[in-house]
Amino acid sequence: MKIEGTHQLQATRERVYECLTDPQVLQRCIPGCERLEKTNENTYSAALRAGVGTIKGVFTGTVKLEDMRPPEHYRIVVAGKGTPGFMKGTGDLDLEAQDEATLIKYTGDLQVGGTIANVGQRMIQGTAKMMASQFFLALEAEAKTPVGEPSPSHGFFRTALRWFSGVLRRVFSPH
């Protein structure tokens, strides 16, 4: 399944790239990310709580950052498995400076298997788009936070994002 899109963030390209390569920032921004720990240079062990419709679970696996060209590009490679099945994919992120803003262009391929694949490609793509939107909202808040200040992902912003995600899950989950 192909995934692609663009998102503009009101932060410099250098700051956005810095956030995109910081595992602590990524853990706070990725919806459902419970763990993201460095195992080697640019390789991380991860646990992600995710699901589509009524099929939910925790996926564990690896995340690798490759083809890194700061501050304009990198490739992310993910592989994980869990009770609902497996997922693996690659994605390319290109960052284009636009004055004090950054346009992120992303393209990727995602493969899912097991029980989670039974819900259908349209539902999986819809969930992927929703998660990407949540990710970029959180990333922009992180990128706008001056280095050394507490992240807005803690406290109110994160609570509000989780609440809104829960509402969307209840609305779009089959009963």
Protein backbone atom coordinates (compact mmCIF):
# COMPACT_ATOMS: atom_id res chain seq x y z
CA MET A 1 0.00 0.00 0.00
CA LYS A 2 1.31 3.42 -0.96
CA ILE A 3 1.18 6.32 1.47
CA GLU A 4 2.08 9.86 0.50
CA GLY A 5 1.38 13.41 1.42
CA THR A 6 2.72 16.78 2.44
CA HIS A 7 2.57 18.78 5.61
CA GLN A 8 3.80 22.30 6.33
CA LEU A 9 5.26 23.08 9.75
CA GLN A 10 5.89 26.57 11.09
CA ALA A 11 9.50 25.88 12.05
CA THR A 12 12.86 25.99 10.29
CA ARG A 13 14.01 23.00 8.26
CA GLU A 14 16.99 22.51 10.59
CA ARG A 15 14.76 22.41 13.68
CA VAL A 16 12.27 20.03 12.04
CA TYR A 17 15.08 17.68 10.98
CA GLU A 18 16.52 17.80 14.49
CA CYS A 19 13.13 16.78 15.90
CA LEU A 20 12.66 14.04 13.29
CA THR A 21 15.94 12.43 14.31
CA ASP A 22 15.50 12.71 18.10
CA PRO A 23 14.12 9.44 19.52
CA GLN A 24 12.61 11.16 22.57
CA VAL A 25 10.73 13.63 20.37
CA LEU A 26 9.61 10.85 18.03
CA GLN A 27 8.32 8.76 20.93
CA ARG A 28 6.22 11.70 22.11
CA CYS A 29 4.91 12.43 18.60
CA ILE A 30 4.14 8.99 17.19
CA PRO A 31 0.56 8.08 18.15
CA GLY A 32 0.55 4.99 20.35
CA CYS A 33 4.35 4.80 20.70
CA GLU A 34 5.08 3.21 24.06
CA ARG A 35 8.82 2.73 23.60
CA LEU A 36 11.57 3.88 21.24
CA GLU A 37 15.05 2.93 22.44
CA LYS A 38 18.35 3.24 20.60
CA THR A 39 20.01 -0.13 19.96
CA ASN A 40 22.67 0.91 17.42
CA GLU A 41 23.55 3.99 15.41
CA ASN A 42 20.25 5.12 13.82
CA THR A 43 18.49 1.87 14.83
CA TYR A 44 15.81 1.66 17.50
CA SER A 45 13.72 -0.95 19.26
CA ALA A 46 10.07 0.09 19.36
CA ALA A 47 6.68 -0.81 20.82
CA LEU A 48 3.59 0.75 19.27
CA ARG A 49 -0.03 0.33 20.33
CA ALA A 50 -2.09 0.55 17.15
CA GLY A 51 -5.13 -0.84 15.48
CA VAL A 52 -7.74 -0.49 12.82
CA GLY A 53 -11.39 -0.65 13.78
CA THR A 54 -11.85 -3.29 16.45
CA ILE A 55 -8.53 -5.03 15.74
CA LYS A 56 -5.97 -3.55 18.10
CA GLY A 57 -2.75 -4.60 19.78
CA VAL A 58 0.87 -3.84 20.51
CA PHE A 59 3.44 -4.20 17.76
CA THR A 60 7.11 -4.62 18.68
CA GLY A 61 9.92 -4.27 16.21
CA THR A 62 12.66 -2.08 14.83
CA VAL A 63 12.95 1.38 13.33
CA LYS A 64 15.98 2.35 11.22
CA LEU A 65 16.91 5.74 9.83
CA GLU A 66 18.84 5.49 6.56
CA ASP A 67 20.06 7.66 3.69
CA MET A 68 20.38 10.59 6.08
CA ARG A 69 21.17 13.93 4.42
CA PRO A 70 20.70 16.61 7.09
CA PRO A 71 18.62 18.74 6.99
CA GLU A 72 16.84 17.71 3.79
CA HIS A 73 16.15 13.96 3.67
CA TYR A 74 16.06 10.60 5.35
CA ARG A 75 14.49 7.18 4.88
CA ILE A 76 12.75 5.34 7.68
CA VAL A 77 12.48 1.54 7.64
CA VAL A 78 10.09 -0.15 10.07
CA ALA A 79 9.25 -3.77 10.82
CA GLY A 80 7.06 -5.06 13.60
CA LYS A 81 4.79 -7.85 14.68
CA GLY A 82 2.18 -8.39 17.33
CA THR A 83 -1.04 -10.21 18.12
CA PRO A 84 -2.99 -8.48 15.30
CA GLY A 85 -0.38 -9.42 12.66
CA PHE A 86 2.70 -7.81 11.19
CA MET A 87 3.65 -4.60 9.47
CA LYS A 88 6.70 -3.50 7.55
CA GLY A 89 7.42 -0.52 5.45
CA THR A 90 9.71 2.19 4.23
CA GLY A 91 9.18 5.89 3.95
CA ASP A 92 11.12 8.79 2.52
CA LEU A 93 10.87 12.24 4.08
CA ASP A 94 12.04 15.28 2.14
CA LEU A 95 12.20 18.65 3.88
CA GLU A 96 11.93 21.83 1.83
CA ALA A 97 12.73 25.19 3.45
CA GLN A 98 10.07 27.86 2.96
CA ASP A 99 11.23 31.02 4.75
CA GLU A 100 10.67 30.19 8.46
CA ALA A 101 8.47 27.19 7.59
CA THR A 102 9.22 23.69 6.33
CA LEU A 103 7.30 21.62 3.82
CA ILE A 104 7.61 17.89 4.50
CA LYS A 105 6.92 15.62 1.55
CA TYR A 106 6.56 11.97 2.47
CA THR A 107 6.14 8.83 0.40
CA GLY A 108 6.10 5.28 1.61
CA ASP A 109 5.14 1.67 1.14
CA LEU A 110 3.40 -0.22 3.91
CA GLN A 111 2.66 -3.93 4.07
CA VAL A 112 0.42 -5.48 6.70
CA GLY A 113 -0.50 -9.09 7.27
CA GLY A 114 -2.42 -11.26 9.67
CA THR A 115 -5.75 -10.40 11.24
CA ILE A 116 -5.24 -6.66 10.82
CA ALA A 117 -5.05 -7.05 7.02
CA ASN A 118 -8.62 -8.41 6.98
CA VAL A 119 -10.15 -4.98 7.67
CA GLY A 120 -9.29 -3.80 4.19
CA GLN A 121 -6.93 -1.38 2.54
CA ARG A 122 -9.29 1.62 2.69
CA MET A 123 -9.64 1.40 6.47
CA ILE A 124 -5.91 0.89 6.90
CA GLN A 125 -5.16 3.91 4.69
CA GLY A 126 -7.68 6.01 6.60
CA THR A 127 -6.07 5.07 9.89
CA ALA A 128 -2.59 5.77 8.48
CA LYS A 129 -3.70 9.25 7.34
CA MET A 130 -5.22 10.00 10.74
CA MET A 131 -2.04 8.86 12.53
CA ALA A 132 0.11 10.95 10.15
CA SER A 133 -2.01 14.01 10.90
CA GLN A 134 -1.69 13.44 14.66
CA PHE A 135 2.05 12.92 14.28
CA PHE A 136 2.58 16.18 12.37
CA LEU A 137 0.48 18.21 14.82
CA ALA A 138 2.60 16.91 17.70
CA LEU A 139 5.83 17.37 15.71
CA GLU A 140 5.01 21.00 14.96
CA ALA A 141 4.37 21.67 18.66
CA GLU A 142 7.73 20.07 19.48
CA ALA A 143 9.56 22.01 16.76
CA LYS A 144 8.11 25.33 17.97
CA THR A 145 9.28 24.68 21.54
CA PRO A 146 12.64 26.32 22.25
CA VAL A 147 15.38 23.83 23.09
CA GLY A 148 15.58 23.28 26.84
CA GLU A 149 11.94 24.16 27.58
CA PRO A 150 9.40 21.50 28.58
CA SER A 151 7.72 19.92 25.61
CA PRO A 152 4.08 20.75 24.91
CA SER A 153 3.56 17.05 24.26
CA HIS A 154 3.54 16.66 28.02
CA GLY A 155 0.51 17.85 29.87
CA PHE A 156 -2.42 19.52 28.21
CA PHE A 157 -1.50 19.09 24.52
CA ARG A 158 -0.84 15.36 24.82
CA THR A 159 -3.96 14.86 26.95
CA ALA A 160 -6.08 16.75 24.40
CA LEU A 161 -4.60 14.75 21.53
CA ARG A 162 -5.28 11.44 23.27
CA TRP A 163 -8.85 12.51 24.09
CA PHE A 164 -9.50 13.52 20.47
CA SER A 165 -7.96 10.26 19.21
CA GLY A 166 -10.24 8.29 21.53
CA VAL A 167 -13.29 10.15 20.25
CA LEU A 168 -12.32 9.41 16.65
CA ARG A 169 -11.77 5.72 17.46
CA ARG A 170 -15.22 5.47 19.05
CA VAL A 171 -16.89 7.28 16.17
CA PHE A 172 -15.21 5.27 13.41
CA SER A 173 -14.99 1.84 15.09
CA PRO A 174 -17.69 -0.63 14.05
CA HIS A 175 -19.89 -1.56 17.00
